[in-house]
PDB file of N, CA and C in Angstrom:
ATOM      1  N   MET A   1      96.414  82.164  83.438  1.00  0.00           N
ATOM      2  CA  MET A   1      96.550  83.455  84.076  1.00  0.00           C
ATOM      3  C   MET A   1      95.167  83.982  84.427  1.00  0.00           C
ATOM      4  N   GLY A   2      95.076  84.713  85.516  1.00  0.00           N
ATOM      5  CA  GLY A   2      93.798  85.245  85.978  1.00  0.00           C
ATOM      6  C   GLY A   2      93.459  86.559  85.313  1.00  0.00           C
ATOM      7  N   LYS A   3      92.387  87.152  85.788  1.00  0.00           N
ATOM      8  CA  LYS A   3      91.958  88.434  85.255  1.00  0.00           C
ATOM      9  C   LYS A   3      92.915  89.529  85.703  1.00  0.00           C
ATOM     10  N   VAL A   4      93.216  90.416  84.805  1.00  0.00           N
ATOM     11  CA  VAL A   4      94.091  91.536  85.115  1.00  0.00           C
ATOM     12  C   VAL A   4      93.227  92.789  85.143  1.00  0.00           C
ATOM     13  N   ARG A   5      93.257  93.496  86.247  1.00  0.00           N
ATOM     14  CA  ARG A   5      92.474  94.717  86.381  1.00  0.00           C
ATOM     15  C   ARG A   5      93.415  95.908  86.411  1.00  0.00           C
ATOM     16  N   THR A   6      93.000  96.976  85.756  1.00  0.00           N
ATOM     17  CA  THR A   6      93.835  98.169  85.702  1.00  0.00           C
ATOM     18  C   THR A   6      93.834  98.872  87.054  1.00  0.00           C
ATOM     19  N   SER A   7      94.805  99.713  87.246  1.00  0.00           N
ATOM     20  CA  SER A   7      94.903 100.440  88.511  1.00  0.00           C
ATOM     21  C   SER A   7      93.727 101.390  88.687  1.00  0.00           C
ATOM     22  N   LEU A   8      93.164 101.900  87.588  1.00  0.00           N
ATOM     23  CA  LEU A   8      91.991 102.776  87.670  1.00  0.00           C
ATOM     24  C   LEU A   8      90.806 102.036  88.275  1.00  0.00           C
ATOM     25  N   VAL A   9      90.581 100.804  87.831  1.00  0.00           N
ATOM     26  CA  VAL A   9      89.476  99.997  88.346  1.00  0.00           C
ATOM     27  C   VAL A   9      89.682  99.724  89.828  1.00  0.00           C
ATOM     28  N   LYS A  10      90.876  99.304  90.196  1.00  0.00           N
ATOM     29  CA  LYS A  10      91.163  98.980  91.591  1.00  0.00           C
ATOM     30  C   LYS A  10      91.060 100.207  92.488  1.00  0.00           C
ATOM     31  N   ARG A  11      91.648 101.299  92.055  1.00  0.00           N
ATOM     32  CA  ARG A  11      91.660 102.530  92.853  1.00  0.00           C
ATOM     33  C   ARG A  11      90.235 103.049  93.065  1.00  0.00           C
ATOM     34  N   THR A  12      89.431 103.048  92.011  1.00  0.00           N
ATOM     35  CA  THR A  12      88.064 103.544  92.106  1.00  0.00           C
ATOM     36  C   THR A  12      87.215 102.661  93.012  1.00  0.00           C
ATOM     37  N   ALA A  13      87.347 101.348  92.871  1.00  0.00           N
ATOM     38  CA  ALA A  13      86.570 100.419  93.694  1.00  0.00           C
ATOM     39  C   ALA A  13      86.957 100.538  95.164  1.00  0.00           C
ATOM     40  N   ARG A  14      88.240 100.631  95.440  1.00  0.00           N
ATOM     41  CA  ARG A  14      88.680 100.780  96.834  1.00  0.00           C
ATOM     42  C   ARG A  14      88.177 102.084  97.436  1.00  0.00           C
ATOM     43  N   ARG A  15      88.182 103.140  96.644  1.00  0.00           N
ATOM     44  CA  ARG A  15      87.706 104.448  97.106  1.00  0.00           C
ATOM     45  C   ARG A  15      86.210 104.396  97.421  1.00  0.00           C
ATOM     46  N   LEU A  16      85.432 103.739  96.551  1.00  0.00           N
ATOM     47  CA  LEU A  16      84.000 103.597  96.803  1.00  0.00           C
ATOM     48  C   LEU A  16      83.745 102.784  98.065  1.00  0.00           C
ATOM     49  N   LEU A  17      84.518 101.733  98.262  1.00  0.00           N
ATOM     50  CA  LEU A  17      84.377 100.906  99.458  1.00  0.00           C
ATOM     51  C   LEU A  17      84.726 101.703 100.714  1.00  0.00           C
ATOM     52  N   GLU A  18      85.699 102.583 100.589  1.00  0.00           N
ATOM     53  CA  GLU A  18      86.113 103.417 101.714  1.00  0.00           C
ATOM     54  C   GLU A  18      85.058 104.480 102.040  1.00  0.00           C
ATOM     55  N   LEU A  19      84.484 105.101 101.006  1.00  0.00           N
ATOM     56  CA  LEU A  19      83.533 106.191 101.212  1.00  0.00           C
ATOM     57  C   LEU A  19      82.123 105.711 101.551  1.00  0.00           C
ATOM     58  N   TYR A  20      81.707 104.598 100.969  1.00  0.00           N
ATOM     59  CA  TYR A  20      80.331 104.109 101.141  1.00  0.00           C
ATOM     60  C   TYR A  20      80.309 102.646 101.577  1.00  0.00           C
ATOM     61  N   PRO A  21      80.887 102.314 102.727  1.00  0.00           N
ATOM     62  CA  PRO A  21      80.966 100.903 103.128  1.00  0.00           C
ATOM     63  C   PRO A  21      79.605 100.272 103.410  1.00  0.00           C
ATOM     64  N   ASP A  22      78.619 101.076 103.822  1.00  0.00           N
ATOM     65  CA  ASP A  22      77.304 100.522 104.133  1.00  0.00           C
ATOM     66  C   ASP A  22      76.476 100.239 102.881  1.00  0.00           C
ATOM     67  N   GLU A  23      76.790 100.906 101.783  1.00  0.00           N
ATOM     68  CA  GLU A  23      76.014 100.732 100.560  1.00  0.00           C
ATOM     69  C   GLU A  23      76.559  99.619  99.662  1.00  0.00           C
ATOM     70  N   VAL A  24      77.801  99.232  99.861  1.00  0.00           N
ATOM     71  CA  VAL A  24      78.417  98.195  99.028  1.00  0.00           C
ATOM     72  C   VAL A  24      77.892  96.833  99.477  1.00  0.00           C
ATOM     73  N   SER A  25      77.537  95.990  98.506  1.00  0.00           N
ATOM     74  CA  SER A  25      77.023  94.663  98.840  1.00  0.00           C
ATOM     75  C   SER A  25      77.794  93.595  98.064  1.00  0.00           C
ATOM     76  N   THR A  26      77.437  92.345  98.295  1.00  0.00           N
ATOM     77  CA  THR A  26      78.061  91.240  97.567  1.00  0.00           C
ATOM     78  C   THR A  26      77.274  90.912  96.298  1.00  0.00           C
ATOM     79  N   ASN A  27      76.311  91.746  95.958  1.00  0.00           N
ATOM     80  CA  ASN A  27      75.503  91.556  94.757  1.00  0.00           C
ATOM     81  C   ASN A  27      76.011  92.485  93.650  1.00  0.00           C
ATOM     82  N   PHE A  28      76.373  91.904  92.519  1.00  0.00           N
ATOM     83  CA  PHE A  28      76.933  92.671  91.409  1.00  0.00           C
ATOM     84  C   PHE A  28      75.966  93.730  90.900  1.00  0.00           C
ATOM     85  N   GLU A  29      74.691  93.374  90.741  1.00  0.00           N
ATOM     86  CA  GLU A  29      73.714  94.314  90.181  1.00  0.00           C
ATOM     87  C   GLU A  29      73.545  95.546  91.074  1.00  0.00           C
ATOM     88  N   GLU A  30      73.524  95.340  92.377  1.00  0.00           N
ATOM     89  CA  GLU A  30      73.405  96.473  93.304  1.00  0.00           C
ATOM     90  C   GLU A  30      74.654  97.347  93.242  1.00  0.00           C
ATOM     91  N   ASN A  31      75.816  96.730  93.135  1.00  0.00           N
ATOM     92  CA  ASN A  31      77.059  97.501  93.041  1.00  0.00           C
ATOM     93  C   ASN A  31      77.146  98.252  91.726  1.00  0.00           C
ATOM     94  N   LYS A  32      76.588  97.690  90.675  1.00  0.00           N
ATOM     95  CA  LYS A  32      76.573  98.367  89.383  1.00  0.00           C
ATOM     96  C   LYS A  32      75.771  99.672  89.487  1.00  0.00           C
ATOM     97  N   GLU A  33      74.649  99.624  90.178  1.00  0.00           N
ATOM     98  CA  GLU A  33      73.845 100.830  90.374  1.00  0.00           C
ATOM     99  C   GLU A  33      74.576 101.832  91.270  1.00  0.00           C
ATOM    100  N   LEU A  34      75.300 101.336  92.255  1.00  0.00           N
ATOM    101  CA  LEU A  34      76.091 102.197  93.139  1.00  0.00           C
ATOM    102  C   LEU A  34      77.153 102.949  92.340  1.00  0.00           C
ATOM    103  N   VAL A  35      77.855 102.232  91.474  1.00  0.00           N
ATOM    104  CA  VAL A  35      78.889 102.865  90.640  1.00  0.00           C
ATOM    105  C   VAL A  35      78.244 103.897  89.720  1.00  0.00           C
ATOM    106  N   LYS A  36      77.105 103.553  89.151  1.00  0.00           N
ATOM    107  CA  LYS A  36      76.404 104.475  88.253  1.00  0.00           C
ATOM    108  C   LYS A  36      75.990 105.744  89.002  1.00  0.00           C
ATOM    109  N   LYS A  37      75.636 105.596  90.268  1.00  0.00           N
ATOM    110  CA  LYS A  37      75.168 106.717  91.080  1.00  0.00           C
ATOM    111  C   LYS A  37      76.301 107.674  91.461  1.00  0.00           C
ATOM    112  N   TYR A  38      77.473 107.140  91.811  1.00  0.00           N
ATOM    113  CA  TYR A  38      78.537 107.969  92.371  1.00  0.00           C
ATOM    114  C   TYR A  38      79.689 108.297  91.420  1.00  0.00           C
ATOM    115  N   VAL A  39      79.823 107.569  90.325  1.00  0.00           N
ATOM    116  CA  VAL A  39      80.956 107.793  89.424  1.00  0.00           C
ATOM    117  C   VAL A  39      80.419 108.098  88.029  1.00  0.00           C
ATOM    118  N   TYR A  40      80.895 109.181  87.435  1.00  0.00           N
ATOM    119  CA  TYR A  40      80.488 109.518  86.081  1.00  0.00           C
ATOM    120  C   TYR A  40      81.370 108.761  85.095  1.00  0.00           C
ATOM    121  N   LEU A  41      80.763 107.829  84.372  1.00  0.00           N
ATOM    122  CA  LEU A  41      81.485 107.043  83.371  1.00  0.00           C
ATOM    123  C   LEU A  41      80.673 106.986  82.084  1.00  0.00           C
ATOM    124  N   LYS A  42      81.346 107.103  80.965  1.00  0.00           N
ATOM    125  CA  LYS A  42      80.673 106.937  79.683  1.00  0.00           C
ATOM    126  C   LYS A  42      80.657 105.471  79.260  1.00  0.00           C
ATOM    127  N   SER A  43      81.574 104.698  79.786  1.00  0.00           N
ATOM    128  CA  SER A  43      81.773 103.331  79.342  1.00  0.00           C
ATOM    129  C   SER A  43      81.063 102.325  80.253  1.00  0.00           C
ATOM    130  N   LYS A  44      80.192 101.501  79.664  1.00  0.00           N
ATOM    131  CA  LYS A  44      79.530 100.437  80.426  1.00  0.00           C
ATOM    132  C   LYS A  44      80.542  99.392  80.871  1.00  0.00           C
ATOM    133  N   LYS A  45      81.499  99.108  80.017  1.00  0.00           N
ATOM    134  CA  LYS A  45      82.495  98.090  80.331  1.00  0.00           C
ATOM    135  C   LYS A  45      83.298  98.479  81.570  1.00  0.00           C
ATOM    136  N   LEU A  46      83.718  99.730  81.630  1.00  0.00           N
ATOM    137  CA  LEU A  46      84.490 100.194  82.783  1.00  0.00           C
ATOM    138  C   LEU A  46      83.630 100.183  84.045  1.00  0.00           C
ATOM    139  N   ARG A  47      82.372 100.601  83.919  1.00  0.00           N
ATOM    140  CA  ARG A  47      81.455 100.564  85.063  1.00  0.00           C
ATOM    141  C   ARG A  47      81.298  99.147  85.585  1.00  0.00           C
ATOM    142  N   ASN A  48      81.135  98.192  84.682  1.00  0.00           N
ATOM    143  CA  ASN A  48      80.965  96.797  85.080  1.00  0.00           C
ATOM    144  C   ASN A  48      82.242  96.222  85.691  1.00  0.00           C
ATOM    145  N   GLN A  49      83.388  96.639  85.185  1.00  0.00           N
ATOM    146  CA  GLN A  49      84.652  96.168  85.766  1.00  0.00           C
ATOM    147  C   GLN A  49      84.809  96.682  87.198  1.00  0.00           C
ATOM    148  N   ILE A  50      84.467  97.941  87.417  1.00  0.00           N
ATOM    149  CA  ILE A  50      84.559  98.508  88.759  1.00  0.00           C
ATOM    150  C   ILE A  50      83.566  97.816  89.685  1.00  0.00           C
ATOM    151  N   ALA A  51      82.341  97.609  89.213  1.00  0.00           N
ATOM    152  CA  ALA A  51      81.322  96.940  90.029  1.00  0.00           C
ATOM    153  C   ALA A  51      81.733  95.507  90.348  1.00  0.00           C
ATOM    154  N   GLY A  52      82.342  94.818  89.403  1.00  0.00           N
ATOM    155  CA  GLY A  52      82.798  93.450  89.632  1.00  0.00           C
ATOM    156  C   GLY A  52      83.904  93.388  90.662  1.00  0.00           C
ATOM    157  N   TYR A  53      84.845  94.291  90.584  1.00  0.00           N
ATOM    158  CA  TYR A  53      85.936  94.309  91.557  1.00  0.00           C
ATOM    159  C   TYR A  53      85.421  94.733  92.929  1.00  0.00           C
ATOM    160  N   LEU A  54      84.459  95.632  92.952  1.00  0.00           N
ATOM    161  CA  LEU A  54      83.839  96.047  94.202  1.00  0.00           C
ATOM    162  C   LEU A  54      83.116  94.872  94.862  1.00  0.00           C
ATOM    163  N   THR A  55      82.454  94.065  94.068  1.00  0.00           N
ATOM    164  CA  THR A  55      81.785  92.864  94.572  1.00  0.00           C
ATOM    165  C   THR A  55      82.818  91.900  95.138  1.00  0.00           C
ATOM    166  N   HIS A  56      83.911  91.735  94.441  1.00  0.00           N
ATOM    167  CA  HIS A  56      85.002  90.863  94.897  1.00  0.00           C
ATOM    168  C   HIS A  56      85.540  91.338  96.244  1.00  0.00           C
ATOM    169  N   LEU A  57      85.781  92.642  96.371  1.00  0.00           N
ATOM    170  CA  LEU A  57      86.283  93.192  97.625  1.00  0.00           C
ATOM    171  C   LEU A  57      85.275  93.023  98.761  1.00  0.00           C
ATOM    172  N   ALA A  58      83.992  93.196  98.454  1.00  0.00           N
ATOM    173  CA  ALA A  58      82.953  93.043  99.480  1.00  0.00           C
ATOM    174  C   ALA A  58      82.888  91.605  99.974  1.00  0.00           C
ATOM    175  N   LYS A  59      83.038  90.650  99.060  1.00  0.00           N
ATOM    176  CA  LYS A  59      83.026  89.235  99.458  1.00  0.00           C
ATOM    177  C   LYS A  59      84.243  88.899 100.312  1.00  0.00           C
ATOM    178  N   LEU A  60      85.407  89.452  99.961  1.00  0.00           N
ATOM    179  CA  LEU A  60      86.605  89.236 100.776  1.00  0.00           C
ATOM    180  C   LEU A  60      86.429  89.811 102.173  1.00  0.00           C
ATOM    181  N   ARG A  61      85.872  91.008 102.249  1.00  0.00           N
ATOM    182  CA  ARG A  61      85.642  91.652 103.534  1.00  0.00           C
ATOM    183  C   ARG A  61      84.659  90.837 104.379  1.00  0.00           C
ATOM    184  N   ALA A  62      83.600  90.317 103.764  1.00  0.00           N
ATOM    185  CA  ALA A  62      82.616  89.507 104.487  1.00  0.00           C
ATOM    186  C   ALA A  62      83.247  88.211 104.990  1.00  0.00           C
ATOM    187  N   ARG A  63      84.102  87.598 104.177  1.00  0.00           N
ATOM    188  CA  ARG A  63      84.770  86.369 104.572  1.00  0.00           C
ATOM    189  C   ARG A  63      85.714  86.613 105.755  1.00  0.00           C
ATOM    190  N   GLU A  64      86.463  87.726 105.713  1.00  0.00           N
ATOM    191  CA  GLU A  64      87.368  88.077 106.803  1.00  0.00           C
ATOM    192  C   GLU A  64      86.599  88.339 108.100  1.00  0.00           C
ATOM    193  N   GLU A  65      85.472  89.016 108.002  1.00  0.00           N
ATOM    194  CA  GLU A  65      84.665  89.302 109.193  1.00  0.00           C
ATOM    195  C   GLU A  65      84.097  88.025 109.798  1.00  0.00           C
ATOM    196  N   SER A  66      83.706  87.072 108.950  1.00  0.00           N
ATOM    197  CA  SER A  66      83.152  85.833 109.483  1.00  0.00           C
ATOM    198  C   SER A  66      84.253  84.983 110.140  1.00  0.00           C
ATOM    199  N   GLN A  67      85.484  85.065 109.633  1.00  0.00           N
ATOM    200  CA  GLN A  67      86.580  84.328 110.244  1.00  0.00           C
ATOM    201  C   GLN A  67      86.972  84.930 111.587  1.00  0.00           C
ATOM    202  N   VAL A  68      86.867  86.241 111.721  1.00  0.00           N
ATOM    203  CA  VAL A  68      87.195  86.905 112.966  1.00  0.00           C
ATOM    204  C   VAL A  68      86.170  86.531 114.044  1.00  0.00           C
ATOM    205  N   GLN A  69      84.920  86.392 113.666  1.00  0.00           N
ATOM    206  CA  GLN A  69      83.856  86.072 114.623  1.00  0.00           C
ATOM    207  C   GLN A  69      83.973  84.641 115.148  1.00  0.00           C
ATOM    208  N   GLN A  70      84.568  83.764 114.384  1.00  0.00           N
ATOM    209  CA  GLN A  70      84.654  82.355 114.797  1.00  0.00           C
ATOM    210  C   GLN A  70      85.724  82.114 115.796  1.00  0.00           C
TER     211      GLN A  70
END
């Protein structure tokens, strides 16, 4: 079975991607700083989960854009 992400992680990551599409990258460390900047979280684990899912979404978006260009 794969990784299971909570709806909070997914909803927050999608919202960040919607609000700040130019700042989101395919680099986890940069996304971690982005989450730290825009979302108030006490938990490092939750921040990292959101940043990881955000990275995943950014890679999917980049892959879709490259397929459209071809």
